[in-house]
Amino acid sequence: MMSKLRITYSKSSIGYKEDQKRTIRALGFRKLNQTVELDDTPAIRGMIHKVNHLVTVEEVK
């Protein structure tokens, strides 16, 4: 079974580059402090790495 990641949008993307704002949207975020659960894939990991200063991540068992 693939593990999941619980990602919380914890810091506003205002003032950051447009590609980072698009990455936040692509992860499924619409509002600040929103939490989503996504599969732990290399693509998702790469997106998280790009915006890791804006989100907090925890692994879900």
N, C-alpha and C. Protein backbone atom coordinates (compact mmCIF):
# COMPACT_ATOMS: atom_id res chain seq x y z
N MET A 1 0.82 -1.19 0.00
CA MET A 1 0.00 0.00 0.00
C MET A 1 0.87 1.26 0.00
N MET A 2 0.47 2.21 -0.83
CA MET A 2 1.22 3.45 -0.91
C MET A 2 0.92 4.33 0.29
N SER A 3 1.99 4.90 0.88
CA SER A 3 1.76 5.78 2.03
C SER A 3 1.22 7.12 1.55
N LYS A 4 0.64 7.84 2.49
CA LYS A 4 0.04 9.14 2.19
C LYS A 4 0.81 10.24 2.90
N LEU A 5 0.71 11.43 2.37
CA LEU A 5 1.29 12.60 3.01
C LEU A 5 0.16 13.57 3.35
N ARG A 6 0.19 14.10 4.56
CA ARG A 6 -0.75 15.14 4.95
C ARG A 6 -0.01 16.47 4.85
N ILE A 7 -0.45 17.31 3.93
CA ILE A 7 0.24 18.56 3.64
C ILE A 7 -0.67 19.72 4.03
N THR A 8 -0.13 20.66 4.79
CA THR A 8 -0.90 21.83 5.21
C THR A 8 -0.26 23.08 4.62
N TYR A 9 -1.09 23.91 4.00
CA TYR A 9 -0.66 25.18 3.41
C TYR A 9 -0.55 26.19 4.55
N SER A 10 0.69 26.42 5.03
CA SER A 10 0.86 27.14 6.29
C SER A 10 1.37 28.57 6.15
N LYS A 11 1.85 28.97 4.97
CA LYS A 11 2.36 30.33 4.79
C LYS A 11 1.93 30.83 3.43
N SER A 12 1.49 32.07 3.38
CA SER A 12 0.96 32.64 2.14
C SER A 12 2.01 32.69 1.04
N SER A 13 1.56 32.50 -0.21
CA SER A 13 2.48 32.56 -1.35
C SER A 13 2.58 33.97 -1.92
N ILE A 14 1.91 34.94 -1.30
CA ILE A 14 2.02 36.33 -1.75
C ILE A 14 3.48 36.77 -1.64
N GLY A 15 3.99 37.36 -2.69
CA GLY A 15 5.37 37.83 -2.69
C GLY A 15 6.35 36.81 -3.23
N TYR A 16 5.88 35.60 -3.53
CA TYR A 16 6.74 34.57 -4.10
C TYR A 16 6.48 34.45 -5.60
N LYS A 17 7.37 33.76 -6.27
CA LYS A 17 7.28 33.66 -7.73
C LYS A 17 6.01 32.95 -8.20
N GLU A 18 5.59 33.29 -9.40
CA GLU A 18 4.35 32.76 -9.98
C GLU A 18 4.38 31.23 -10.07
N ASP A 19 5.53 30.64 -10.38
CA ASP A 19 5.59 29.17 -10.49
C ASP A 19 5.33 28.51 -9.14
N GLN A 20 5.73 29.17 -8.05
CA GLN A 20 5.45 28.61 -6.73
C GLN A 20 3.97 28.71 -6.40
N LYS A 21 3.33 29.80 -6.81
CA LYS A 21 1.88 29.94 -6.62
C LYS A 21 1.14 28.87 -7.40
N ARG A 22 1.60 28.58 -8.61
CA ARG A 22 0.96 27.54 -9.43
C ARG A 22 1.17 26.16 -8.82
N THR A 23 2.33 25.94 -8.21
CA THR A 23 2.59 24.66 -7.55
C THR A 23 1.64 24.46 -6.36
N ILE A 24 1.42 25.52 -5.59
CA ILE A 24 0.47 25.46 -4.47
C ILE A 24 -0.92 25.08 -4.98
N ARG A 25 -1.35 25.70 -6.08
CA ARG A 25 -2.65 25.38 -6.67
C ARG A 25 -2.69 23.93 -7.17
N ALA A 26 -1.60 23.49 -7.78
CA ALA A 26 -1.53 22.13 -8.33
C ALA A 26 -1.59 21.07 -7.22
N LEU A 27 -1.13 21.41 -6.04
CA LEU A 27 -1.22 20.49 -4.90
C LEU A 27 -2.64 20.41 -4.36
N GLY A 28 -3.52 21.30 -4.83
CA GLY A 28 -4.93 21.24 -4.44
C GLY A 28 -5.33 22.27 -3.41
N PHE A 29 -4.45 23.22 -3.12
CA PHE A 29 -4.77 24.22 -2.10
C PHE A 29 -5.55 25.38 -2.70
N ARG A 30 -6.58 25.82 -1.95
CA ARG A 30 -7.35 27.00 -2.32
C ARG A 30 -7.27 28.08 -1.25
N LYS A 31 -7.12 27.66 0.01
CA LYS A 31 -7.08 28.62 1.12
C LYS A 31 -5.90 28.34 2.04
N LEU A 32 -5.46 29.36 2.74
CA LEU A 32 -4.40 29.22 3.73
C LEU A 32 -4.88 28.33 4.87
N ASN A 33 -3.98 27.55 5.43
CA ASN A 33 -4.25 26.60 6.52
C ASN A 33 -5.11 25.42 6.09
N GLN A 34 -5.31 25.25 4.80
CA GLN A 34 -6.03 24.08 4.29
C GLN A 34 -5.10 22.87 4.34
N THR A 35 -5.68 21.69 4.57
CA THR A 35 -4.90 20.45 4.62
C THR A 35 -5.42 19.49 3.55
N VAL A 36 -4.49 18.85 2.83
CA VAL A 36 -4.85 17.83 1.86
C VAL A 36 -4.03 16.58 2.14
N GLU A 37 -4.57 15.43 1.76
CA GLU A 37 -3.83 14.17 1.85
C GLU A 37 -3.60 13.66 0.45
N LEU A 38 -2.33 13.46 0.09
CA LEU A 38 -1.96 13.00 -1.25
C LEU A 38 -1.07 11.78 -1.14
N ASP A 39 -1.05 10.97 -2.20
CA ASP A 39 -0.15 9.81 -2.24
C ASP A 39 1.30 10.27 -2.25
N ASP A 40 2.15 9.48 -1.63
CA ASP A 40 3.58 9.79 -1.56
C ASP A 40 4.25 9.30 -2.84
N THR A 41 4.31 10.15 -3.86
CA THR A 41 4.95 9.81 -5.12
C THR A 41 6.13 10.76 -5.36
N PRO A 42 7.05 10.37 -6.23
CA PRO A 42 8.17 11.26 -6.54
C PRO A 42 7.71 12.62 -7.08
N ALA A 43 6.65 12.65 -7.87
CA ALA A 43 6.15 13.91 -8.41
C ALA A 43 5.65 14.83 -7.30
N ILE A 44 4.88 14.27 -6.37
CA ILE A 44 4.36 15.06 -5.25
C ILE A 44 5.51 15.52 -4.36
N ARG A 45 6.48 14.64 -4.13
CA ARG A 45 7.65 15.01 -3.33
C ARG A 45 8.39 16.20 -3.96
N GLY A 46 8.52 16.17 -5.29
CA GLY A 46 9.19 17.27 -6.00
C GLY A 46 8.44 18.57 -5.85
N MET A 47 7.10 18.51 -5.93
CA MET A 47 6.28 19.72 -5.77
C MET A 47 6.42 20.26 -4.35
N ILE A 48 6.43 19.36 -3.37
CA ILE A 48 6.59 19.78 -1.97
C ILE A 48 7.96 20.43 -1.78
N HIS A 49 8.99 19.84 -2.38
CA HIS A 49 10.34 20.39 -2.26
C HIS A 49 10.41 21.82 -2.79
N LYS A 50 9.67 22.08 -3.86
CA LYS A 50 9.68 23.40 -4.48
C LYS A 50 9.05 24.46 -3.57
N VAL A 51 8.04 24.07 -2.79
CA VAL A 51 7.33 25.04 -1.94
C VAL A 51 7.42 24.67 -0.45
N ASN A 52 8.51 24.00 -0.06
CA ASN A 52 8.60 23.51 1.31
C ASN A 52 8.64 24.63 2.35
N HIS A 53 8.93 25.86 1.93
CA HIS A 53 8.91 26.99 2.85
C HIS A 53 7.49 27.52 3.08
N LEU A 54 6.51 27.00 2.30
CA LEU A 54 5.13 27.46 2.42
C LEU A 54 4.21 26.40 3.03
N VAL A 55 4.68 25.16 3.13
CA VAL A 55 3.83 24.07 3.60
C VAL A 55 4.49 23.30 4.74
N THR A 56 3.67 22.58 5.51
CA THR A 56 4.18 21.63 6.49
C THR A 56 3.67 20.25 6.09
N VAL A 57 4.53 19.24 6.26
CA VAL A 57 4.25 17.90 5.76
C VAL A 57 4.39 16.90 6.90
N GLU A 58 3.44 15.94 6.95
CA GLU A 58 3.58 14.81 7.87
C GLU A 58 3.13 13.55 7.16
N GLU A 59 3.77 12.43 7.52
CA GLU A 59 3.40 11.16 6.91
C GLU A 59 2.21 10.58 7.65
N VAL A 60 1.30 9.99 6.89
CA VAL A 60 0.11 9.37 7.47
C VAL A 60 0.29 7.86 7.39
N LYS A 61 0.07 7.19 8.49
CA LYS A 61 0.23 5.73 8.48
C LYS A 61 -0.96 5.06 7.82
